[in-house]
Amino acid sequence: MGSFAVAPSAHAAQAKQALTLAGGGTYYGQVENGLPDGRGTAKWPGSKTYSGEFANGKRSGTGKYINEYKEADTGYRYKIVYTGSWANDRMSGQGVWTEKRFDGDGRVVSNKIRTGVFANNMLSSGYEVIHAEADPEYSFTYRGNAMTLNVMGSNENLTSSWKTGSLFSASYKKGSVSRSYSIFPEESAAKERERLASIKYLQKITAQVTPHLQKFEQLSKQVPLK
């Protein structure tokens, strides 16, 4: 995601100035001791930018990072945007991360959003919603409060579908409890009994998961394919 070691040609002086960064990047903003410090904007070759707060040459505080690139082997183009908290050059704290994947014709074929608390560039707790040209179109995940919830299906009537056990798939883990099912009946009678028992259990905890299902639907509106 870019290095902030400043090249020897950089000059330490006034509070706001331009710097040359190692790896071919550039910076313009507030400076302290020859390093980005305060507010500023960094740019790297290949359409990578960061605009926000720095401390001692590293992204720290709040800021927005954008990375656009193309995969040579697939031809897909990607646009990644993260807006939120940073610490020591890493996504850290509350933030929102999005990723759009475009095909060769410029169509969005996959759209993802992650929102919550990040640590070491990864979402540690919160929500992920993926909308893609797939069957089913949507994948939803929540992690937090010692619970993991995964749902696949449409982005409408999730709570009613949970109540009727008609989601494409659902899984729930909390402590020692782990329950999951898919919409497809199992081939063996024993496995089918397990599937139906999982549906019955999950129906009983509808009230617990309803706020998360509602959040899934809200976030799904932010990841259109168009």
Protein backbone atom coordinates (compact mmCIF):
# COMPACT_ATOMS: atom_id res chain seq x y z
CA MET A 1 0.00 0.00 0.00
CA GLY A 2 2.99 2.29 -0.30
CA SER A 3 6.07 3.19 1.69
CA PHE A 4 6.64 6.41 3.57
CA ALA A 5 10.42 6.31 3.88
CA VAL A 6 11.42 9.67 2.47
CA ALA A 7 14.01 9.79 -0.29
CA PRO A 8 17.26 11.69 0.44
CA SER A 9 16.18 14.56 -1.84
CA ALA A 10 13.37 15.56 0.53
CA HIS A 11 13.89 18.76 2.47
CA ALA A 12 12.83 19.35 6.05
CA ALA A 13 11.64 22.89 6.48
CA GLN A 14 8.33 24.72 6.53
CA ALA A 15 5.09 23.21 7.85
CA LYS A 16 3.57 22.62 4.40
CA GLN A 17 5.61 21.46 1.42
CA ALA A 18 6.12 18.86 -1.29
CA LEU A 19 8.17 15.73 -0.64
CA THR A 20 9.42 12.90 -2.78
CA LEU A 21 8.69 9.53 -1.21
CA ALA A 22 10.64 6.32 -1.60
CA GLY A 23 9.14 4.11 -4.29
CA GLY A 24 8.30 6.99 -6.62
CA GLY A 25 5.53 8.54 -4.55
CA THR A 26 4.90 12.21 -3.89
CA TYR A 27 3.47 14.07 -0.93
CA TYR A 28 2.13 17.55 -0.36
CA GLY A 29 1.01 18.77 3.02
CA GLN A 30 2.20 19.47 6.51
CA VAL A 31 5.72 18.37 7.36
CA GLU A 32 7.73 17.88 10.51
CA ASN A 33 11.40 16.84 10.56
CA GLY A 34 11.29 16.11 6.84
CA LEU A 35 8.39 13.66 7.16
CA PRO A 36 4.65 13.87 6.44
CA ASP A 37 3.11 15.00 9.72
CA GLY A 38 -0.33 16.57 10.08
CA ARG A 39 -2.68 16.74 7.10
CA GLY A 40 -1.64 16.06 3.54
CA THR A 41 -2.00 13.97 0.39
CA ALA A 42 0.28 11.19 -0.85
CA LYS A 43 0.22 9.72 -4.35
CA TRP A 44 1.99 6.65 -5.72
CA PRO A 45 2.43 5.29 -9.24
CA GLY A 46 -0.53 3.16 -10.32
CA SER A 47 -3.43 5.32 -9.12
CA LYS A 48 -2.91 4.99 -5.37
CA THR A 49 -3.72 8.01 -3.22
CA TYR A 50 -4.18 8.80 0.44
CA SER A 51 -5.52 12.05 1.78
CA GLY A 52 -5.75 12.63 5.50
CA GLU A 53 -3.69 12.67 8.65
CA PHE A 54 -0.08 11.59 9.13
CA ALA A 55 2.20 11.16 12.11
CA ASN A 56 5.98 10.82 11.77
CA GLY A 57 5.72 9.85 8.11
CA LYS A 58 2.96 7.27 8.51
CA ARG A 59 -0.78 7.30 7.97
CA SER A 60 -2.21 7.85 11.44
CA GLY A 61 -5.52 9.43 12.40
CA THR A 62 -8.30 9.62 9.82
CA GLY A 63 -8.01 9.55 6.05
CA LYS A 64 -9.19 8.22 2.71
CA TYR A 65 -7.21 5.70 0.65
CA ILE A 66 -8.00 4.88 -2.99
CA ASN A 67 -6.35 2.16 -5.07
CA GLU A 68 -7.32 1.46 -8.68
CA TYR A 69 -5.63 -1.30 -10.64
CA LYS A 70 -6.14 -3.86 -13.40
CA GLU A 71 -5.40 -7.59 -13.28
CA ALA A 72 -3.31 -8.49 -16.29
CA ASP A 73 -4.41 -12.14 -16.42
CA THR A 74 -8.19 -11.56 -16.10
CA GLY A 75 -8.60 -8.06 -17.49
CA TYR A 76 -10.74 -7.11 -14.50
CA ARG A 77 -10.35 -3.59 -13.14
CA TYR A 78 -10.67 -2.92 -9.41
CA LYS A 79 -11.36 0.17 -7.35
CA ILE A 80 -10.76 -0.05 -3.60
CA VAL A 81 -11.67 2.79 -1.25
CA TYR A 82 -11.16 2.92 2.50
CA THR A 83 -12.32 5.84 4.62
CA GLY A 84 -11.70 5.79 8.34
CA SER A 85 -9.11 5.47 11.06
CA TRP A 86 -5.43 4.63 10.63
CA ALA A 87 -2.56 3.82 12.96
CA ASN A 88 1.08 3.21 12.06
CA ASP A 89 0.32 3.06 8.32
CA ARG A 90 -2.42 0.44 8.74
CA MET A 91 -6.22 0.52 8.64
CA SER A 92 -7.00 0.55 12.34
CA GLY A 93 -10.22 1.55 14.09
CA GLN A 94 -13.64 2.48 12.74
CA GLY A 95 -13.87 2.58 8.97
CA VAL A 96 -15.63 1.67 5.72
CA TRP A 97 -13.93 -0.35 2.94
CA THR A 98 -15.41 -0.88 -0.52
CA GLU A 99 -14.26 -2.83 -3.56
CA LYS A 100 -15.76 -2.66 -7.04
CA ARG A 101 -14.72 -5.08 -9.78
CA PHE A 102 -15.34 -4.09 -13.39
CA ASP A 103 -15.25 -6.30 -16.48
CA GLY A 104 -13.70 -5.29 -19.80
CA ASP A 105 -16.86 -3.42 -20.80
CA GLY A 106 -16.83 -1.35 -17.63
CA ARG A 107 -19.73 -3.17 -15.98
CA VAL A 108 -19.64 -3.67 -12.20
CA VAL A 109 -19.69 -7.45 -11.76
CA SER A 110 -18.88 -7.47 -8.04
CA ASN A 111 -19.43 -4.86 -5.35
CA LYS A 112 -18.35 -5.30 -1.72
CA ILE A 113 -18.58 -3.25 1.44
CA ARG A 114 -17.04 -3.83 4.86
CA THR A 115 -17.92 -1.56 7.75
CA GLY A 116 -16.96 -1.74 11.40
CA VAL A 117 -13.71 -1.93 13.32
CA PHE A 118 -10.49 -2.67 11.44
CA ALA A 119 -7.19 -4.00 12.79
CA ASN A 120 -4.00 -4.53 10.79
CA ASN A 121 -5.81 -3.77 7.50
CA MET A 122 -8.53 -6.38 8.15
CA LEU A 123 -12.12 -6.08 9.38
CA SER A 124 -12.04 -7.44 12.93
CA SER A 125 -15.69 -6.85 13.84
CA GLY A 126 -18.62 -5.58 11.84
CA TYR A 127 -20.41 -6.28 8.58
CA GLU A 128 -19.48 -7.46 5.09
CA VAL A 129 -21.90 -7.49 2.18
CA ILE A 130 -21.00 -8.85 -1.26
CA HIS A 131 -23.18 -8.34 -4.33
CA ALA A 132 -22.02 -10.19 -7.42
CA GLU A 133 -23.20 -11.70 -10.66
CA ALA A 134 -23.71 -15.07 -9.02
CA ASP A 135 -26.44 -17.36 -7.73
CA PRO A 136 -27.37 -16.24 -5.16
CA GLU A 137 -26.47 -12.60 -5.73
CA TYR A 138 -25.80 -11.61 -2.11
CA SER A 139 -23.52 -12.84 0.66
CA PHE A 140 -23.78 -11.31 4.15
CA THR A 141 -21.46 -11.71 7.12
CA TYR A 142 -21.46 -10.28 10.64
CA ARG A 143 -18.73 -10.82 13.22
CA GLY A 144 -18.89 -9.47 16.75
CA ASN A 145 -19.92 -10.15 20.34
CA ALA A 146 -18.43 -13.67 20.07
CA MET A 147 -20.91 -14.36 17.25
CA THR A 148 -20.50 -15.05 13.56
CA LEU A 149 -23.48 -14.90 11.22
CA ASN A 150 -23.42 -15.79 7.51
CA VAL A 151 -26.38 -15.55 5.15
CA MET A 152 -26.67 -16.05 1.40
CA GLY A 153 -29.71 -15.18 -0.68
CA SER A 154 -31.52 -12.08 -1.89
CA ASN A 155 -31.41 -8.69 -0.21
CA GLU A 156 -35.13 -8.51 0.51
CA ASN A 157 -37.30 -9.89 3.31
CA LEU A 158 -34.35 -11.43 5.12
CA THR A 159 -36.11 -11.55 8.47
CA SER A 160 -39.22 -13.26 7.10
CA SER A 161 -37.02 -15.69 5.15
CA TRP A 162 -35.11 -16.44 8.36
CA LYS A 163 -38.40 -17.12 10.17
CA THR A 164 -39.55 -19.55 7.48
CA GLY A 165 -36.17 -21.24 7.02
CA SER A 166 -36.18 -20.39 3.31
CA LEU A 167 -32.83 -18.61 2.95
CA PHE A 168 -30.43 -20.01 0.37
CA SER A 169 -28.08 -20.73 3.27
CA ALA A 170 -27.55 -19.56 6.83
CA SER A 171 -24.98 -20.28 9.51
CA TYR A 172 -24.73 -19.10 13.11
CA LYS A 173 -21.92 -19.59 15.60
CA LYS A 174 -21.83 -18.34 19.17
CA GLY A 175 -19.76 -19.97 21.87
CA SER A 176 -20.21 -23.73 21.61
CA VAL A 177 -23.33 -23.37 19.44
CA SER A 178 -22.92 -23.89 15.71
CA ARG A 179 -25.96 -24.26 13.45
CA SER A 180 -26.30 -24.06 9.68
CA TYR A 181 -28.51 -25.13 6.81
CA SER A 182 -28.94 -24.74 3.08
CA ILE A 183 -32.18 -24.63 1.16
CA PHE A 184 -31.44 -27.98 -0.48
CA PRO A 185 -32.76 -31.13 1.24
CA GLU A 186 -30.11 -33.63 2.29
CA GLU A 187 -29.89 -37.03 0.61
CA SER A 188 -29.75 -39.07 3.80
CA ALA A 189 -32.55 -39.10 6.35
CA ALA A 190 -30.13 -38.45 9.21
CA LYS A 191 -28.61 -35.40 7.52
CA GLU A 192 -32.05 -34.10 6.63
CA ARG A 193 -33.09 -34.35 10.29
CA GLU A 194 -30.02 -32.30 11.20
CA ARG A 195 -30.89 -29.70 8.59
CA LEU A 196 -34.46 -29.38 9.84
CA ALA A 197 -33.27 -29.22 13.45
CA SER A 198 -30.93 -26.36 12.54
CA ILE A 199 -33.77 -24.47 10.87
CA LYS A 200 -35.93 -24.95 13.97
CA TYR A 201 -33.15 -23.71 16.26
CA LEU A 202 -32.40 -20.66 14.14
CA GLN A 203 -36.09 -19.78 13.98
CA LYS A 204 -36.10 -19.59 17.78
CA ILE A 205 -33.35 -16.93 17.83
CA THR A 206 -34.95 -14.69 15.19
CA ALA A 207 -35.21 -11.77 17.62
CA GLN A 208 -31.46 -11.95 18.33
CA VAL A 209 -30.40 -11.80 14.68
CA THR A 210 -33.11 -9.45 13.34
CA PRO A 211 -31.05 -6.25 13.87
CA HIS A 212 -28.20 -7.78 11.87
CA LEU A 213 -30.51 -8.93 9.08
CA GLN A 214 -31.93 -5.41 8.90
CA LYS A 215 -28.40 -3.99 8.72
CA PHE A 216 -27.60 -6.44 5.89
CA GLU A 217 -30.54 -5.10 3.88
CA GLN A 218 -29.51 -1.48 4.51
CA LEU A 219 -25.93 -2.10 3.41
CA SER A 220 -27.04 -4.04 0.32
CA LYS A 221 -28.46 -0.79 -1.08
CA GLN A 222 -24.91 0.59 -1.14
CA VAL A 223 -23.50 -2.13 -3.43
CA PRO A 224 -25.47 -1.98 -6.70
CA LEU A 225 -24.34 -3.62 -9.91
CA LYS A 226 -24.60 -1.08 -12.70
